[in-house]
Amino acid sequence: MPSLGVPYEYEAVITDGLTGETITMLPWSKIKWQRARNKVSQAEAFVAIADGGMSVMREAPPRPWNTLLSIQRNGSVVWDGPVTSWSRPSRSGPGQPP
């Protein structure tokens, strides 16, 4: 009987949209995605500063519409789609110094 996953079973991967080669594995701190039948859905992956933050993005910056975000569970893709944008969160968010 299948069971719900725990966080360490999931991976967020940036891949080349043409070749399918893995560019980088994201050390995510939070991921979320939508599931929708026959509709467009979205996903987000957050990389904490303590886990590399922007340095991960500087090493292999995702190119919007040319790279894919793939969310995998135990090696199986549960969501994938093109990276449409990426950004650094504002520093004035909750728990952040102004």
Protein backbone atom coordinates (compact mmCIF):
# COMPACT_ATOMS: atom_id res chain seq x y z
CA MET A 1 0.00 0.00 0.00
CA PRO A 2 1.48 3.40 -0.94
CA SER A 3 2.27 5.84 1.81
CA LEU A 4 2.68 9.57 1.91
CA GLY A 5 6.25 10.70 1.52
CA VAL A 6 8.46 12.43 3.98
CA PRO A 7 10.61 15.40 2.88
CA TYR A 8 13.88 13.52 2.41
CA GLU A 9 12.28 11.38 -0.31
CA TYR A 10 11.75 14.37 -2.61
CA GLU A 11 14.29 16.04 -4.89
CA ALA A 12 14.13 19.25 -6.89
CA VAL A 13 16.22 19.09 -10.04
CA ILE A 14 17.06 21.67 -12.70
CA THR A 15 17.52 20.01 -16.10
CA ASP A 16 18.40 21.17 -19.60
CA GLY A 17 15.16 21.46 -21.57
CA LEU A 18 16.70 20.13 -24.80
CA THR A 19 18.94 17.31 -23.64
CA GLY A 20 17.28 16.33 -20.37
CA GLU A 21 20.68 16.40 -18.64
CA THR A 22 20.73 17.31 -14.96
CA ILE A 23 22.22 20.77 -14.44
CA THR A 24 21.94 20.90 -10.66
CA MET A 25 20.14 19.33 -7.74
CA LEU A 26 18.56 22.03 -5.59
CA PRO A 27 19.14 21.75 -1.84
CA TRP A 28 15.56 22.82 -1.27
CA SER A 29 14.12 23.89 2.04
CA LYS A 30 10.55 24.10 0.75
CA ILE A 31 8.91 22.86 -2.42
CA LYS A 32 5.33 23.06 -3.50
CA TRP A 33 3.45 22.13 -6.62
CA GLN A 34 -0.07 21.87 -7.90
CA ARG A 35 -1.70 18.83 -9.38
CA ALA A 36 -4.35 19.45 -11.98
CA ARG A 37 -5.83 17.11 -14.51
CA ASN A 38 -5.68 18.45 -18.08
CA LYS A 39 -4.70 21.93 -16.86
CA VAL A 40 -1.55 23.96 -16.49
CA SER A 41 -0.07 23.80 -12.99
CA GLN A 42 2.85 25.46 -11.23
CA ALA A 43 5.60 24.61 -8.80
CA GLU A 44 8.10 26.47 -6.63
CA ALA A 45 11.36 25.46 -5.01
CA PHE A 46 12.94 27.52 -2.24
CA VAL A 47 16.63 27.24 -1.39
CA ALA A 48 17.50 28.57 2.07
CA ILE A 49 20.52 30.82 2.56
CA ALA A 50 21.92 28.22 4.97
CA ASP A 51 21.75 25.62 2.16
CA GLY A 52 23.58 27.73 -0.42
CA GLY A 53 20.89 30.22 -1.32
CA MET A 54 21.92 32.40 -4.25
CA SER A 55 25.31 30.71 -4.65
CA VAL A 56 23.48 27.66 -6.03
CA MET A 57 21.79 29.88 -8.60
CA ARG A 58 25.06 31.64 -9.52
CA GLU A 59 26.79 28.33 -10.27
CA ALA A 60 24.14 27.19 -12.75
CA PRO A 61 21.56 29.93 -13.27
CA PRO A 62 18.35 28.52 -14.74
CA ARG A 63 17.50 30.12 -18.07
CA PRO A 64 13.78 30.87 -18.21
CA TRP A 65 11.95 28.65 -20.72
CA ASN A 66 15.19 26.75 -21.58
CA THR A 67 15.55 24.82 -18.34
CA LEU A 68 13.09 22.62 -16.50
CA LEU A 69 12.28 22.19 -12.84
CA SER A 70 11.57 18.58 -12.01
CA ILE A 71 10.23 17.44 -8.65
CA GLN A 72 10.94 13.79 -8.03
CA ARG A 73 9.95 11.30 -5.37
CA ASN A 74 12.12 8.22 -5.05
CA GLY A 75 13.46 8.85 -8.57
CA SER A 76 10.03 9.20 -10.20
CA VAL A 77 8.94 12.56 -11.58
CA VAL A 78 5.82 13.86 -9.81
CA TRP A 79 5.90 17.30 -11.45
CA ASP A 80 7.96 18.98 -14.17
CA GLY A 81 7.74 22.08 -16.26
CA PRO A 82 9.74 24.99 -17.64
CA VAL A 83 11.44 27.46 -15.35
CA THR A 84 9.64 30.71 -16.16
CA SER A 85 11.48 32.90 -13.65
CA TRP A 86 13.61 32.85 -10.54
CA SER A 87 14.31 35.50 -7.98
CA ARG A 88 15.79 36.36 -4.64
CA PRO A 89 13.18 36.98 -1.93
CA SER A 90 13.03 40.44 -0.46
CA ARG A 91 15.04 40.94 2.71
CA SER A 92 12.14 42.66 4.43
CA GLY A 93 10.09 39.46 4.71
CA PRO A 94 9.14 37.87 8.03
CA GLY A 95 12.15 37.17 10.21
CA GLN A 96 14.49 39.09 7.90
CA PRO A 97 16.38 42.26 8.80
CA PRO A 98 15.20 45.34 6.85
